[in-house]
Amino acid sequence: MADSTQPDKRIAVVYLRVSTEEQVDNYSLDTQADLCRKEAERRGLQVTEIFREEGRSAKTIRERPTLIEMLDYCRKHKSEVGAVIVYRLDRISRQTADYLAIRKKLAECNITLISASEPTGDTPTERFIETMLAGFAQMDNDVRGERSRNGMRARFMSGLHNGSLPLGYLRQNGYAVKDPETFSAVKAAWELMETGTKSLSEMAKFLDKQGIREKRKGHKETLLRRQTMSRIFRNKFYTGKVVSKKYGLEVQGQHPPMITEETFYRVQAILDGRNFNTPVVLAKRTRNNPDFPLRRIVRCGRCGQSFTAAWSKGKTLTYGYYFCIKRCATKSNVPLSTIEPETSALLKSVTLKPETAQMINAFLRRAYYQRTGTLKQKRDQAGIELKKIYETRQALIEKNLSGVYSDDVFKEQNKILEEKITAIQAAKDETMIEKYNLEAITKFIETKFTNLDETYKNAPLEQKRVLMCSIFPKGLQWSYPGYSNTQISPFYQCCLNIQNGSVAIGAGQETLTPGLVLGKDAL
């Protein structure tokens, strides 16, 4: 240890640390500094540097840059510094091992560690007491940590959420309540995601347009990202549940739910169905140009490549052309003025007659109501099975809390039950049929499919592409000139067969192609 009586070792530095909670108890840095200066005067030491660290945890040294700076200063000035003065030994660290390691490093530099409020020195008794005080500091820290952990577990078991709340909620008096600024928008996002027509990126843009931003502690508000939306749609908190990965438990929360469990599991099935890790060949990105709605829908009859399109500038006018990407034909450019009438004629040739549309709607209504009855039975049965599983899981939780089942056994069994719940909810997913407006669908068929040419001409770009791809799923084949060998979707071909008399309908029983009955696959 350092000999403070040596002339070249009469210099001391002061290290101060305080947390936010300790400041409330009049334990501020200024109070510590004043007591440390008085201790330095009593020992005849001159304070040259004061290192102040405010609001830092004593758990880890790496997160305390001022302490590291003080130790580095002592190492560089070990020939002048004779002592480090602290208000209490636990200011250095509340971990006994860390404290002893720091004291050893100071001793190697011949620097004494002095406490302004505790007995410290170089005698064996003083060193023993010093070590005991460091041990008491760690014990006090560990007891506080245990109390905090027990309190957090008790809070969780009572259905209260620990940590930051997900988007759509805010905390009031310790409880999660609806955020009036974001709750409705996030709920609408869940309902839209449930339709299965939107990607995570599109949902982020949907909320961004409503002015909702991501708020992260210590950062500025930022636009929502795809990763954020994934966390939202995977969070069971929105169903009224509180889930802890740490405890491996799920309890009923005290907060108002935003969605039903059916909606949650339906969205999970949608997300799980999009495996972005599977190496598949993706379609090339296309620009949406309303001037060329058939771009990449029409294909070359020789090589099978999709047509692209562009405008060509003449002497006085510009001319639109579709053409094969490979330019495999001698005259591969197909003028816009040629392909549009051909497309119009093709659509007229496959347009349904009013009586055909009425007949299809009749089958649609019959299949719809049959399907609805079947699904109602399945839903009732699934509800009974779910109730049994929830009762089983509640019993499992109670046995885990009472010590009958270990945490490992509980987690294993709870995972099995969760998989069963997911499977049943996925089976109930077919109840989405009840959300369709049957009358609107039948009216759409009668008005739009009985005049396909006009429907195509008056539709916006995206609807044109959807219409053409639904009737011609493999695209249109251009054979220089005109369309040929164009395949129509099986369902639509069946409709045309009825119209052309290819499918006989008897007085008692219909002899129909199975695809004509609008069951699950057709819907």
Protein backbone atom coordinates (compact mmCIF):
# COMPACT_ATOMS: atom_id res chain seq x y z
CA MET A 1 0.00 0.00 0.00
CA ALA A 2 1.02 3.60 -0.49
CA ASP A 3 2.74 5.57 2.23
CA SER A 4 0.86 8.87 2.34
CA THR A 5 3.63 10.51 4.35
CA GLN A 6 6.03 10.55 1.38
CA PRO A 7 6.27 14.05 -0.19
CA ASP A 8 5.76 12.77 -3.73
CA LYS A 9 2.71 10.78 -2.69
CA ARG A 10 0.63 13.47 -0.97
CA ILE A 11 -1.69 13.80 -3.96
CA ALA A 12 -5.12 12.19 -3.94
CA VAL A 13 -7.97 11.84 -6.41
CA VAL A 14 -11.64 11.59 -5.53
CA TYR A 15 -14.13 9.25 -7.22
CA LEU A 16 -17.84 10.03 -6.83
CA ARG A 17 -20.81 7.98 -8.00
CA VAL A 18 -24.51 8.29 -7.34
CA SER A 19 -27.71 6.87 -8.83
CA THR A 20 -30.94 8.76 -9.46
CA GLU A 21 -32.63 7.09 -6.47
CA GLU A 22 -29.80 8.04 -4.10
CA GLN A 23 -30.00 11.69 -5.11
CA VAL A 24 -33.53 11.78 -3.70
CA ASP A 25 -32.15 10.70 -0.31
CA ASN A 26 -29.74 13.67 -0.15
CA TYR A 27 -26.92 11.44 -1.34
CA SER A 28 -25.78 13.74 -4.14
CA LEU A 29 -22.35 14.09 -5.68
CA ASP A 30 -21.78 17.44 -3.98
CA THR A 31 -22.44 15.89 -0.58
CA GLN A 32 -19.98 13.10 -1.31
CA ALA A 33 -17.38 15.54 -2.63
CA ASP A 34 -17.55 17.70 0.49
CA LEU A 35 -17.02 14.72 2.83
CA CYS A 36 -14.17 13.36 0.68
CA ARG A 37 -12.36 16.73 0.74
CA LYS A 38 -12.65 16.87 4.53
CA GLU A 39 -11.20 13.36 4.79
CA ALA A 40 -8.33 14.40 2.51
CA GLU A 41 -7.60 17.44 4.72
CA ARG A 42 -7.68 15.27 7.85
CA ARG A 43 -5.08 12.97 6.31
CA GLY A 44 -3.01 15.79 4.91
CA LEU A 45 -3.67 14.96 1.28
CA GLN A 46 -4.15 17.36 -1.61
CA VAL A 47 -7.04 16.63 -3.98
CA THR A 48 -6.04 17.37 -7.58
CA GLU A 49 -8.72 15.52 -9.57
CA ILE A 50 -12.37 14.71 -8.93
CA PHE A 51 -14.09 12.07 -11.09
CA ARG A 52 -17.88 12.36 -11.06
CA GLU A 53 -20.13 9.54 -12.30
CA GLU A 54 -23.86 10.16 -12.06
CA GLY A 55 -26.76 7.77 -12.64
CA ARG A 56 -24.56 4.72 -13.31
CA SER A 57 -25.29 1.19 -12.12
CA ALA A 58 -22.74 -0.51 -9.90
CA LYS A 59 -23.39 -3.93 -11.46
CA THR A 60 -20.82 -3.81 -14.28
CA ILE A 61 -17.57 -1.94 -14.64
CA ARG A 62 -17.76 -1.73 -18.44
CA GLU A 63 -20.84 0.48 -18.22
CA ARG A 64 -19.02 3.00 -15.98
CA PRO A 65 -16.68 5.00 -18.19
CA THR A 66 -15.69 7.49 -15.46
CA LEU A 67 -14.43 4.67 -13.21
CA ILE A 68 -12.35 3.32 -16.09
CA GLU A 69 -11.06 6.84 -16.74
CA MET A 70 -10.06 7.21 -13.04
CA LEU A 71 -8.20 3.89 -13.02
CA ASP A 72 -6.37 4.85 -16.22
CA TYR A 73 -5.44 8.23 -14.70
CA CYS A 74 -4.03 6.51 -11.60
CA ARG A 75 -1.97 4.14 -13.74
CA LYS A 76 -0.45 7.00 -15.75
CA HIS A 77 0.23 9.15 -12.65
CA LYS A 78 1.13 6.43 -10.17
CA SER A 79 4.34 8.27 -9.28
CA GLU A 80 2.33 11.25 -7.95
CA VAL A 81 -1.03 9.85 -6.80
CA GLY A 82 -0.96 8.27 -3.36
CA ALA A 83 -4.62 7.68 -2.63
CA VAL A 84 -8.11 7.31 -4.12
CA ILE A 85 -10.82 8.66 -1.83
CA VAL A 86 -14.45 7.55 -2.05
CA TYR A 87 -17.42 8.34 0.16
CA ARG A 88 -18.12 4.64 0.70
CA LEU A 89 -16.51 1.47 -0.57
CA ASP A 90 -19.63 0.42 -2.45
CA ARG A 91 -19.10 3.50 -4.67
CA ILE A 92 -16.33 1.48 -6.33
CA SER A 93 -18.45 -1.63 -6.85
CA ARG A 94 -21.21 -3.62 -5.18
CA GLN A 95 -19.67 -6.83 -6.51
CA THR A 96 -17.05 -8.18 -4.10
CA ALA A 97 -14.93 -9.76 -6.83
CA ASP A 98 -14.84 -6.54 -8.87
CA TYR A 99 -14.04 -4.47 -5.78
CA LEU A 100 -11.12 -6.70 -4.79
CA ALA A 101 -9.79 -6.67 -8.37
CA ILE A 102 -9.86 -2.85 -8.46
CA ARG A 103 -8.20 -2.60 -5.04
CA LYS A 104 -5.48 -4.97 -6.24
CA LYS A 105 -4.80 -2.85 -9.34
CA LEU A 106 -4.51 0.28 -7.19
CA ALA A 107 -2.18 -1.55 -4.79
CA GLU A 108 0.06 -2.54 -7.70
CA CYS A 109 0.39 1.17 -8.42
CA ASN A 110 1.19 1.80 -4.71
CA ILE A 111 -2.10 3.70 -4.28
CA THR A 112 -4.26 3.44 -1.16
CA LEU A 113 -8.06 3.20 -1.33
CA ILE A 114 -9.66 5.36 1.38
CA SER A 115 -13.30 5.54 2.47
CA ALA A 116 -14.48 8.82 3.96
CA SER A 117 -17.16 7.13 6.10
CA GLU A 118 -15.76 3.64 6.83
CA PRO A 119 -12.64 2.26 8.51
CA THR A 120 -9.98 1.53 5.90
CA GLY A 121 -6.25 1.04 6.25
CA ASP A 122 -3.31 -1.32 5.81
CA THR A 123 -3.54 -3.42 8.96
CA PRO A 124 -4.85 -7.00 8.67
CA THR A 125 -7.90 -6.10 10.77
CA GLU A 126 -8.72 -3.07 8.63
CA ARG A 127 -8.31 -5.06 5.42
CA PHE A 128 -10.59 -7.80 6.81
CA ILE A 129 -13.24 -5.24 7.75
CA GLU A 130 -12.88 -3.62 4.33
CA THR A 131 -13.49 -6.97 2.62
CA MET A 132 -16.48 -7.62 4.87
CA LEU A 133 -17.95 -4.23 3.96
CA ALA A 134 -17.53 -5.05 0.28
CA GLY A 135 -19.29 -8.37 0.88
CA PHE A 136 -22.14 -6.64 2.70
CA ALA A 137 -22.53 -4.27 -0.28
CA GLN A 138 -22.90 -7.22 -2.65
CA MET A 139 -25.33 -8.97 -0.32
CA ASP A 140 -27.43 -5.81 -0.11
CA ASN A 141 -27.35 -5.54 -3.91
CA ASP A 142 -28.31 -9.20 -4.33
CA VAL A 143 -31.19 -8.91 -1.86
CA ARG A 144 -32.52 -5.88 -3.70
CA GLY A 145 -32.23 -7.73 -7.00
CA GLU A 146 -34.07 -10.75 -5.60
CA ARG A 147 -36.85 -8.55 -4.27
CA SER A 148 -37.09 -6.83 -7.62
CA ARG A 149 -37.26 -10.15 -9.48
CA ASN A 150 -39.89 -11.51 -7.12
CA GLY A 151 -41.88 -8.32 -7.48
CA MET A 152 -41.72 -8.51 -11.27
CA ARG A 153 -42.83 -12.15 -11.23
CA ALA A 154 -45.71 -11.34 -8.90
CA ARG A 155 -46.68 -8.44 -11.13
CA PHE A 156 -46.60 -10.72 -14.17
CA MET A 157 -48.66 -13.44 -12.47
CA SER A 158 -51.31 -10.83 -11.63
CA GLY A 159 -51.63 -10.04 -15.34
CA LEU A 160 -49.59 -6.83 -15.46
CA HIS A 161 -46.99 -6.28 -18.18
CA ASN A 162 -43.32 -5.66 -17.35
CA GLY A 163 -41.24 -3.50 -19.63
CA SER A 164 -42.25 -1.25 -22.49
CA LEU A 165 -45.75 -1.62 -23.92
CA PRO A 166 -46.43 -2.46 -27.59
CA LEU A 167 -47.79 0.09 -30.03
CA GLY A 168 -51.42 0.93 -29.31
CA TYR A 169 -51.12 1.00 -25.52
CA LEU A 170 -49.75 3.36 -22.88
CA ARG A 171 -49.17 3.04 -19.14
CA GLN A 172 -51.31 4.84 -16.57
CA ASN A 173 -50.82 4.26 -12.84
CA GLY A 174 -49.00 1.01 -13.57
CA TYR A 175 -51.73 -0.38 -15.85
CA ALA A 176 -51.78 -0.77 -19.65
CA VAL A 177 -54.64 1.20 -21.20
CA LYS A 178 -55.68 2.07 -24.72
CA ASP A 179 -53.64 4.79 -26.40
CA PRO A 180 -56.30 7.08 -27.92
CA GLU A 181 -53.87 8.20 -30.64
CA THR A 182 -52.82 4.78 -31.95
CA PHE A 183 -55.16 2.05 -30.67
CA SER A 184 -57.76 2.27 -33.46
CA ALA A 185 -55.13 2.46 -36.21
CA VAL A 186 -53.24 -0.60 -34.95
CA LYS A 187 -56.51 -2.51 -34.62
CA ALA A 188 -57.37 -1.62 -38.23
CA ALA A 189 -53.91 -2.90 -39.24
CA TRP A 190 -54.65 -6.27 -37.60
CA GLU A 191 -57.97 -6.52 -39.43
CA LEU A 192 -56.33 -5.64 -42.73
CA MET A 193 -53.50 -8.12 -42.16
CA GLU A 194 -56.09 -10.79 -41.39
CA THR A 195 -57.35 -10.64 -44.98
CA GLY A 196 -54.04 -12.09 -46.17
CA THR A 197 -53.71 -9.52 -48.95
CA LYS A 198 -51.01 -7.32 -47.41
CA SER A 199 -47.31 -7.73 -46.74
CA LEU A 200 -45.49 -6.47 -43.65
CA SER A 201 -43.94 -3.63 -45.66
CA GLU A 202 -47.36 -2.56 -46.90
CA MET A 203 -48.70 -2.60 -43.34
CA ALA A 204 -45.81 -0.37 -42.22
CA LYS A 205 -46.72 2.11 -44.95
CA PHE A 206 -50.39 1.86 -43.93
CA LEU A 207 -49.59 3.03 -40.39
CA ASP A 208 -47.02 5.57 -41.57
CA LYS A 209 -49.71 7.30 -43.64
CA GLN A 210 -51.73 7.72 -40.47
CA GLY A 211 -48.88 9.52 -38.79
CA ILE A 212 -47.88 6.70 -36.46
CA ARG A 213 -44.17 6.53 -35.70
CA GLU A 214 -41.93 4.12 -33.84
CA LYS A 215 -40.83 5.47 -30.46
CA ARG A 216 -37.69 3.98 -29.02
CA LYS A 217 -36.16 5.05 -25.73
CA GLY A 218 -33.25 7.40 -26.27
CA HIS A 219 -33.95 7.79 -30.00
CA LYS A 220 -35.97 10.09 -32.18
CA GLU A 221 -39.26 8.96 -33.64
CA THR A 222 -38.71 6.98 -36.83
CA LEU A 223 -40.86 5.50 -39.58
CA LEU A 224 -42.21 2.04 -38.91
CA ARG A 225 -40.19 -0.79 -40.41
CA ARG A 226 -41.04 -4.27 -41.61
CA GLN A 227 -39.28 -5.75 -38.57
CA THR A 228 -41.43 -3.65 -36.26
CA MET A 229 -44.61 -4.86 -37.94
CA SER A 230 -43.42 -8.46 -37.55
CA ARG A 231 -43.02 -7.92 -33.79
CA ILE A 232 -46.49 -6.38 -33.61
CA PHE A 233 -48.22 -9.21 -35.45
CA ARG A 234 -46.39 -11.85 -33.40
CA ASN A 235 -47.26 -10.28 -30.05
CA LYS A 236 -49.99 -12.12 -28.13
CA PHE A 237 -50.37 -9.12 -25.82
CA TYR A 238 -52.95 -7.77 -28.26
CA THR A 239 -55.26 -10.71 -27.44
CA GLY A 240 -55.42 -9.71 -23.77
CA LYS A 241 -52.72 -12.18 -22.70
CA VAL A 242 -49.41 -11.49 -20.97
CA VAL A 243 -46.64 -13.86 -22.09
CA SER A 244 -43.18 -14.23 -20.56
CA LYS A 245 -40.36 -16.05 -22.32
CA LYS A 246 -38.33 -15.83 -19.10
CA TYR A 247 -40.90 -17.65 -16.98
CA GLY A 248 -42.34 -19.70 -19.83
CA LEU A 249 -45.84 -18.73 -18.73
CA GLU A 250 -48.93 -17.15 -20.24
CA VAL A 251 -51.56 -15.48 -18.04
CA GLN A 252 -54.70 -13.45 -18.61
CA GLY A 253 -53.78 -9.78 -18.60
CA GLN A 254 -55.59 -6.91 -16.93
CA HIS A 255 -55.45 -4.76 -20.06
CA PRO A 256 -58.21 -4.44 -22.69
CA PRO A 257 -57.65 -6.80 -25.65
CA MET A 258 -57.39 -5.34 -29.14
CA ILE A 259 -58.18 -8.51 -31.13
CA THR A 260 -59.60 -11.98 -30.59
CA GLU A 261 -57.46 -15.10 -30.38
CA GLU A 262 -59.03 -16.27 -33.64
CA THR A 263 -57.69 -13.18 -35.39
CA PHE A 264 -54.25 -13.66 -33.82
CA TYR A 265 -53.88 -17.28 -34.92
CA ARG A 266 -55.25 -16.46 -38.35
CA VAL A 267 -52.53 -13.84 -38.81
CA GLN A 268 -49.91 -16.30 -37.52
CA ALA A 269 -50.97 -18.77 -40.21
CA ILE A 270 -50.66 -16.04 -42.83
CA LEU A 271 -47.18 -15.07 -41.62
CA ASP A 272 -46.01 -18.67 -41.35
CA GLY A 273 -47.16 -19.28 -44.90
CA ARG A 274 -44.67 -16.70 -46.15
CA ASN A 275 -41.34 -18.46 -45.83
CA PHE A 276 -38.87 -15.86 -47.02
CA ASN A 277 -35.95 -18.22 -46.32
CA THR A 278 -36.98 -20.63 -49.05
CA PRO A 279 -34.85 -20.12 -52.18
CA VAL A 280 -37.52 -19.58 -54.84
CA VAL A 281 -37.29 -17.89 -58.18
CA LEU A 282 -38.90 -14.50 -57.81
CA ALA A 283 -40.55 -12.63 -60.63
CA LYS A 284 -38.66 -9.66 -61.96
CA ARG A 285 -39.75 -6.32 -60.67
CA THR A 286 -42.01 -4.49 -63.12
CA ARG A 287 -42.91 -0.87 -63.34
CA ASN A 288 -46.60 -0.05 -63.29
CA ASN A 289 -47.25 1.74 -66.57
CA PRO A 290 -50.96 2.29 -67.30
CA ASP A 291 -50.12 2.69 -71.00
CA PHE A 292 -49.07 -0.97 -71.20
CA PRO A 293 -51.31 -3.05 -68.90
CA LEU A 294 -50.44 -6.29 -70.71
CA ARG A 295 -46.73 -5.98 -70.06
CA ARG A 296 -45.43 -9.37 -68.84
CA ILE A 297 -48.89 -10.89 -69.28
CA VAL A 298 -48.57 -11.42 -73.04
CA ARG A 299 -45.90 -13.99 -73.95
CA CYS A 300 -44.02 -14.72 -77.14
CA GLY A 301 -45.48 -17.69 -79.02
CA ARG A 302 -41.99 -18.78 -80.16
CA CYS A 303 -39.73 -18.59 -77.10
CA GLY A 304 -42.26 -18.20 -74.29
CA GLN A 305 -40.66 -15.04 -72.90
CA SER A 306 -42.82 -12.26 -71.57
CA PHE A 307 -43.47 -9.17 -73.64
CA THR A 308 -42.20 -5.84 -72.47
CA ALA A 309 -43.32 -2.52 -73.93
CA ALA A 310 -42.12 0.99 -74.71
CA TRP A 311 -42.92 4.13 -76.66
CA SER A 312 -41.09 4.83 -79.91
CA LYS A 313 -40.78 8.38 -81.15
CA GLY A 314 -41.42 8.99 -84.85
CA LYS A 315 -41.05 12.18 -86.86
CA THR A 316 -44.23 13.75 -85.58
CA LEU A 317 -45.88 11.19 -83.28
CA THR A 318 -44.98 8.56 -80.72
CA TYR A 319 -46.03 4.95 -81.14
CA GLY A 320 -46.50 2.27 -78.50
CA TYR A 321 -45.12 -1.22 -79.03
CA TYR A 322 -45.10 -4.55 -77.21
CA PHE A 323 -42.14 -6.77 -78.04
CA CYS A 324 -40.40 -9.98 -76.98
CA ILE A 325 -37.46 -9.50 -74.66
CA LYS A 326 -35.32 -11.86 -76.76
CA ARG A 327 -36.38 -10.30 -80.09
CA CYS A 328 -36.69 -13.82 -81.49
CA ALA A 329 -39.14 -12.93 -84.27
CA THR A 330 -38.26 -11.05 -87.44
CA LYS A 331 -40.96 -8.50 -86.75
CA SER A 332 -41.10 -8.78 -82.99
CA ASN A 333 -42.61 -5.33 -82.42
CA VAL A 334 -46.39 -5.55 -81.96
CA PRO A 335 -48.02 -2.13 -82.23
CA LEU A 336 -50.30 -1.04 -79.43
CA SER A 337 -52.95 -0.34 -82.06
CA THR A 338 -52.81 -4.03 -83.06
CA ILE A 339 -52.74 -5.78 -79.72
CA GLU A 340 -55.55 -3.78 -78.08
CA PRO A 341 -58.28 -4.77 -80.61
CA GLU A 342 -57.10 -8.39 -80.43
CA THR A 343 -57.37 -8.30 -76.63
CA SER A 344 -60.82 -6.75 -76.87
CA ALA A 345 -61.98 -9.46 -79.29
CA LEU A 346 -60.55 -12.20 -77.04
CA LEU A 347 -62.39 -10.86 -73.99
CA LYS A 348 -65.65 -10.64 -75.94
CA SER A 349 -65.25 -14.27 -76.98
CA VAL A 350 -65.05 -15.44 -73.36
CA THR A 351 -67.66 -13.06 -71.94
CA LEU A 352 -70.44 -14.79 -70.03
CA LYS A 353 -74.05 -14.43 -71.07
CA PRO A 354 -76.48 -13.02 -68.46
CA GLU A 355 -78.25 -16.36 -68.08
CA THR A 356 -74.89 -18.11 -67.53
CA ALA A 357 -73.95 -15.61 -64.84
CA GLN A 358 -77.30 -16.18 -63.12
CA MET A 359 -76.79 -19.93 -63.21
CA ILE A 360 -73.27 -19.59 -61.71
CA ASN A 361 -74.65 -17.35 -58.97
CA ALA A 362 -77.28 -19.96 -58.17
CA PHE A 363 -74.57 -22.59 -57.68
CA LEU A 364 -72.52 -20.08 -55.73
CA ARG A 365 -75.36 -19.39 -53.30
CA ARG A 366 -76.03 -23.09 -52.81
CA ALA A 367 -72.36 -23.89 -52.17
CA TYR A 368 -72.02 -20.86 -49.91
CA TYR A 369 -74.84 -21.86 -47.60
CA GLN A 370 -73.74 -25.50 -47.56
CA ARG A 371 -70.25 -24.40 -46.65
CA THR A 372 -71.52 -22.04 -43.99
CA GLY A 373 -73.46 -24.84 -42.29
CA THR A 374 -70.47 -27.17 -42.32
CA LEU A 375 -68.18 -24.50 -40.95
CA LYS A 376 -70.59 -23.69 -38.16
CA GLN A 377 -70.46 -27.31 -37.02
CA LYS A 378 -66.65 -27.30 -37.21
CA ARG A 379 -66.47 -24.02 -35.31
CA ASP A 380 -68.71 -25.32 -32.52
CA GLN A 381 -66.63 -28.48 -32.21
CA ALA A 382 -63.39 -26.49 -32.24
CA GLY A 383 -64.77 -24.25 -29.48
CA ILE A 384 -65.40 -27.30 -27.28
CA GLU A 385 -61.88 -28.64 -27.92
CA LEU A 386 -60.33 -25.26 -27.20
CA LYS A 387 -62.16 -24.98 -23.90
CA LYS A 388 -60.78 -28.38 -22.83
CA ILE A 389 -57.24 -27.41 -23.81
CA TYR A 390 -57.45 -24.10 -21.94
CA GLU A 391 -58.65 -25.94 -18.84
CA THR A 392 -55.78 -28.39 -19.19
CA ARG A 393 -53.27 -25.55 -19.51
CA GLN A 394 -54.68 -23.77 -16.46
CA ALA A 395 -54.29 -26.97 -14.44
CA LEU A 396 -50.74 -27.27 -15.77
CA ILE A 397 -49.93 -23.74 -14.61
CA GLU A 398 -51.33 -24.40 -11.14
CA LYS A 399 -49.29 -27.60 -10.76
CA ASN A 400 -46.16 -25.76 -11.91
CA LEU A 401 -46.71 -23.01 -9.35
CA SER A 402 -47.33 -25.54 -6.59
CA GLY A 403 -44.12 -27.42 -7.47
CA VAL A 404 -45.72 -30.62 -8.81
CA TYR A 405 -44.24 -30.01 -12.28
CA SER A 406 -40.78 -28.56 -12.83
CA ASP A 407 -40.25 -25.60 -15.13
CA ASP A 408 -38.76 -27.86 -17.81
CA VAL A 409 -41.74 -30.22 -17.75
CA PHE A 410 -44.12 -27.27 -17.77
CA LYS A 411 -42.45 -25.65 -20.78
CA GLU A 412 -42.48 -28.94 -22.72
CA GLN A 413 -46.17 -29.63 -22.02
CA ASN A 414 -47.19 -26.01 -22.54
CA LYS A 415 -45.50 -26.03 -25.95
CA ILE A 416 -47.53 -29.11 -26.94
CA LEU A 417 -50.76 -27.44 -25.84
CA GLU A 418 -49.87 -24.25 -27.71
CA GLU A 419 -49.30 -26.23 -30.90
CA LYS A 420 -52.74 -27.84 -30.49
CA ILE A 421 -54.35 -24.43 -29.99
CA THR A 422 -52.62 -23.13 -33.12
CA ALA A 423 -53.82 -26.12 -35.15
CA ILE A 424 -57.43 -25.72 -34.00
CA GLN A 425 -57.41 -21.99 -34.63
CA ALA A 426 -55.98 -22.60 -38.10
CA ALA A 427 -58.83 -25.03 -38.77
CA LYS A 428 -61.30 -22.36 -37.70
CA ASP A 429 -59.64 -19.97 -40.13
CA GLU A 430 -62.08 -21.12 -42.81
CA THR A 431 -64.77 -19.10 -41.06
CA MET A 432 -63.42 -16.21 -43.15
CA ILE A 433 -66.11 -17.23 -45.64
CA GLU A 434 -68.64 -15.57 -43.36
CA LYS A 435 -66.98 -12.22 -43.99
CA TYR A 436 -67.75 -12.28 -47.69
CA ASN A 437 -70.69 -10.22 -48.90
CA LEU A 438 -72.51 -12.81 -51.00
CA GLU A 439 -74.88 -10.34 -52.63
CA ALA A 440 -72.01 -8.04 -53.59
CA ILE A 441 -70.14 -10.97 -55.16
CA THR A 442 -73.12 -12.17 -57.18
CA LYS A 443 -73.85 -8.64 -58.36
CA PHE A 444 -70.20 -8.25 -59.37
CA ILE A 445 -70.39 -11.42 -61.47
CA GLU A 446 -73.60 -10.34 -63.17
CA THR A 447 -72.36 -6.81 -64.03
CA LYS A 448 -68.65 -7.32 -64.68
CA PHE A 449 -68.34 -10.76 -66.25
CA THR A 450 -71.20 -10.24 -68.71
CA ASN A 451 -69.22 -7.47 -70.40
CA LEU A 452 -65.55 -8.26 -69.96
CA ASP A 453 -64.37 -5.87 -72.66
CA GLU A 454 -65.89 -2.81 -70.98
CA THR A 455 -64.85 -4.03 -67.54
CA TYR A 456 -61.26 -4.27 -68.74
CA LYS A 457 -61.25 -0.88 -70.43
CA ASN A 458 -62.73 0.99 -67.44
CA ALA A 459 -60.69 -0.73 -64.71
CA PRO A 460 -57.51 0.77 -63.20
CA LEU A 461 -54.17 -0.82 -63.98
CA GLU A 462 -53.94 -3.23 -61.03
CA GLN A 463 -57.51 -4.45 -61.55
CA LYS A 464 -56.82 -5.02 -65.23
CA ARG A 465 -53.85 -7.22 -64.35
CA VAL A 466 -55.86 -9.14 -61.73
CA LEU A 467 -58.72 -9.68 -64.17
CA MET A 468 -56.49 -10.98 -66.97
CA CYS A 469 -54.44 -13.22 -64.69
CA SER A 470 -57.55 -14.73 -63.08
CA ILE A 471 -58.97 -15.72 -66.48
CA PHE A 472 -55.65 -16.48 -68.20
CA PRO A 473 -53.35 -17.68 -65.34
CA LYS A 474 -50.52 -18.64 -67.72
CA GLY A 475 -50.72 -15.42 -69.69
CA LEU A 476 -51.68 -14.69 -73.29
CA GLN A 477 -49.66 -16.22 -76.13
CA TRP A 478 -48.96 -14.03 -79.15
CA SER A 479 -48.25 -15.97 -82.34
CA TYR A 480 -47.47 -13.18 -84.85
CA PRO A 481 -50.15 -12.19 -85.51
CA GLY A 482 -52.91 -12.72 -83.02
CA TYR A 483 -53.48 -14.78 -79.89
CA SER A 484 -53.43 -18.58 -80.06
CA ASN A 485 -53.28 -21.57 -77.70
CA THR A 486 -54.27 -19.36 -74.78
CA GLN A 487 -55.16 -21.42 -71.72
CA ILE A 488 -58.17 -20.38 -69.66
CA SER A 489 -58.40 -21.12 -65.93
CA PRO A 490 -60.21 -24.44 -65.20
CA PHE A 491 -63.03 -22.75 -63.29
CA TYR A 492 -63.70 -20.16 -65.97
CA GLN A 493 -63.46 -22.83 -68.67
CA CYS A 494 -66.13 -24.78 -66.83
CA CYS A 495 -68.36 -21.70 -66.90
CA LEU A 496 -67.86 -21.42 -70.67
CA ASN A 497 -68.64 -25.13 -71.06
CA ILE A 498 -72.02 -24.55 -69.42
CA GLN A 499 -72.63 -21.60 -71.68
CA ASN A 500 -71.71 -23.56 -74.80
CA GLY A 501 -73.75 -26.58 -73.78
CA SER A 502 -70.73 -28.83 -73.21
CA VAL A 503 -71.96 -29.70 -69.72
CA ALA A 504 -75.38 -31.32 -69.54
CA ILE A 505 -77.71 -30.33 -66.74
CA GLY A 506 -80.49 -32.83 -66.11
CA ALA A 507 -83.84 -32.23 -64.50
CA GLY A 508 -82.99 -34.17 -61.36
CA GLN A 509 -79.24 -34.09 -60.89
CA GLU A 510 -76.53 -31.99 -62.46
CA THR A 511 -73.63 -33.74 -64.20
CA LEU A 512 -71.09 -31.05 -63.52
CA THR A 513 -67.35 -30.89 -63.48
CA PRO A 514 -66.26 -31.00 -59.79
CA GLY A 515 -64.50 -27.65 -60.14
CA LEU A 516 -67.79 -26.01 -61.01
CA VAL A 517 -69.22 -26.50 -57.54
CA LEU A 518 -67.98 -23.45 -55.72
CA GLY A 519 -66.57 -25.11 -52.67
CA LYS A 520 -63.40 -24.42 -50.73
CA ASP A 521 -61.02 -24.47 -53.68
CA ALA A 522 -63.19 -22.21 -55.83
CA LEU A 523 -63.65 -19.69 -53.05
